[in-house]
Protein backbone atom coordinates (compact mmCIF):
# COMPACT_ATOMS: atom_id res chain seq x y z
CA MET A 1 50.57 20.50 -81.28
CA PRO A 2 47.12 20.14 -82.05
CA LEU A 3 44.55 22.56 -80.80
CA PHE A 4 41.34 20.68 -81.16
CA PHE A 5 40.83 21.11 -77.37
CA LEU A 6 40.21 24.98 -78.07
CA ILE A 7 36.80 24.25 -79.91
CA PRO A 8 35.27 22.57 -76.69
CA LEU A 9 36.74 25.10 -74.47
CA CYS A 10 35.59 28.30 -76.77
CA THR A 11 32.17 26.33 -76.48
CA ALA A 12 32.48 26.11 -72.49
CA LEU A 13 33.29 29.94 -72.09
CA ALA A 14 30.48 30.98 -74.34
CA THR A 15 27.93 28.54 -72.66
CA GLY A 16 29.40 29.55 -69.27
CA TYR A 17 29.07 33.31 -70.08
CA LEU A 18 25.12 32.45 -70.98
CA PHE A 19 24.60 30.44 -67.56
CA LYS A 20 25.93 33.79 -65.74
CA LYS A 21 23.57 35.87 -67.76
CA SER A 22 20.72 34.02 -67.62
CA HIS A 23 18.11 33.01 -64.90
CA ASP A 24 15.80 30.77 -66.59
CA GLU A 25 16.00 26.75 -66.92
CA ILE A 26 18.03 27.37 -70.08
CA ALA A 27 20.77 28.42 -67.91
CA TYR A 28 20.93 25.04 -66.30
CA LEU A 29 21.19 22.98 -69.29
CA ALA A 30 23.83 25.58 -70.50
CA GLY A 31 25.84 25.06 -67.26
CA VAL A 32 25.74 21.33 -67.63
CA PHE A 33 26.91 21.80 -71.42
CA ALA A 34 29.82 24.19 -70.30
CA ALA A 35 30.84 21.71 -67.54
CA VAL A 36 30.99 18.78 -70.02
CA SER A 37 32.74 21.20 -72.78
CA LEU A 38 35.25 21.76 -70.32
CA ILE A 39 35.93 18.17 -69.36
CA LEU A 40 36.02 17.21 -72.83
CA SER A 41 38.60 20.07 -73.59
CA LEU A 42 40.78 18.80 -70.82
CA VAL A 43 40.65 15.39 -72.08
CA LEU A 44 41.80 16.61 -75.72
CA ALA A 45 44.35 18.93 -74.41
CA PRO A 46 48.15 17.99 -75.39
CA TRP A 47 49.82 16.49 -72.49
CA GLN A 48 52.24 19.71 -71.79
CA ILE A 49 48.97 21.76 -71.05
CA GLN A 50 47.50 18.80 -68.82
CA PHE A 51 50.74 18.49 -67.02
CA GLY A 52 51.16 22.23 -66.32
CA LEU A 53 47.52 22.24 -65.14
CA LEU A 54 48.50 19.59 -62.76
CA ILE A 55 51.25 21.50 -61.22
CA ILE A 56 49.14 24.48 -60.80
CA VAL A 57 46.70 22.44 -58.99
CA PHE A 58 49.28 20.91 -56.72
CA ILE A 59 50.64 24.32 -55.71
CA ILE A 60 47.32 25.75 -54.94
CA THR A 61 46.44 22.45 -53.03
CA ASN A 62 49.40 22.90 -51.20
CA LYS A 63 49.16 26.76 -50.27
CA LEU A 64 45.35 25.84 -48.97
CA LEU A 65 46.40 22.94 -47.02
CA GLN A 66 48.86 24.91 -45.03
CA GLN A 67 46.38 27.74 -44.67
CA ASN A 68 43.98 25.23 -43.07
CA GLU A 69 46.58 23.62 -40.70
CA LEU A 70 47.34 27.14 -39.84
CA LYS A 71 43.55 28.25 -38.70
CA GLN A 72 43.66 24.95 -36.99
CA THR A 73 46.66 25.47 -34.83
CA GLU A 74 45.12 28.84 -33.94
CA ALA A 75 41.80 27.61 -33.01
CA ARG A 76 43.63 24.82 -30.74
CA ARG A 77 45.62 27.39 -28.93
CA LYS A 78 42.52 29.63 -28.82
CA GLN A 79 40.45 26.81 -27.08
CA SER A 80 43.75 25.80 -24.83
CA ARG A 81 43.66 29.26 -23.47
CA GLU A 82 39.71 29.43 -22.93
CA ILE A 83 40.08 26.35 -21.02
CA LYS A 84 42.85 27.72 -18.69
């Protein structure tokens, strides 16, 4: 498995750290560079890592959707009780 994707990933982490610590205009440039490097590292990552990240995203999205549905049903119940 080639590990070329680690180079832009480490670059993204380093510039992300710079983005968090700096409050100048250079921070915005570092943030953009970190985002581009992160996207590049995801494109260059092997399919096993991409597949693993996809599964993680599906699991997290499913849990967030369930929490959102629960909040909406609780809000509807609360509104129906206030109307009565």
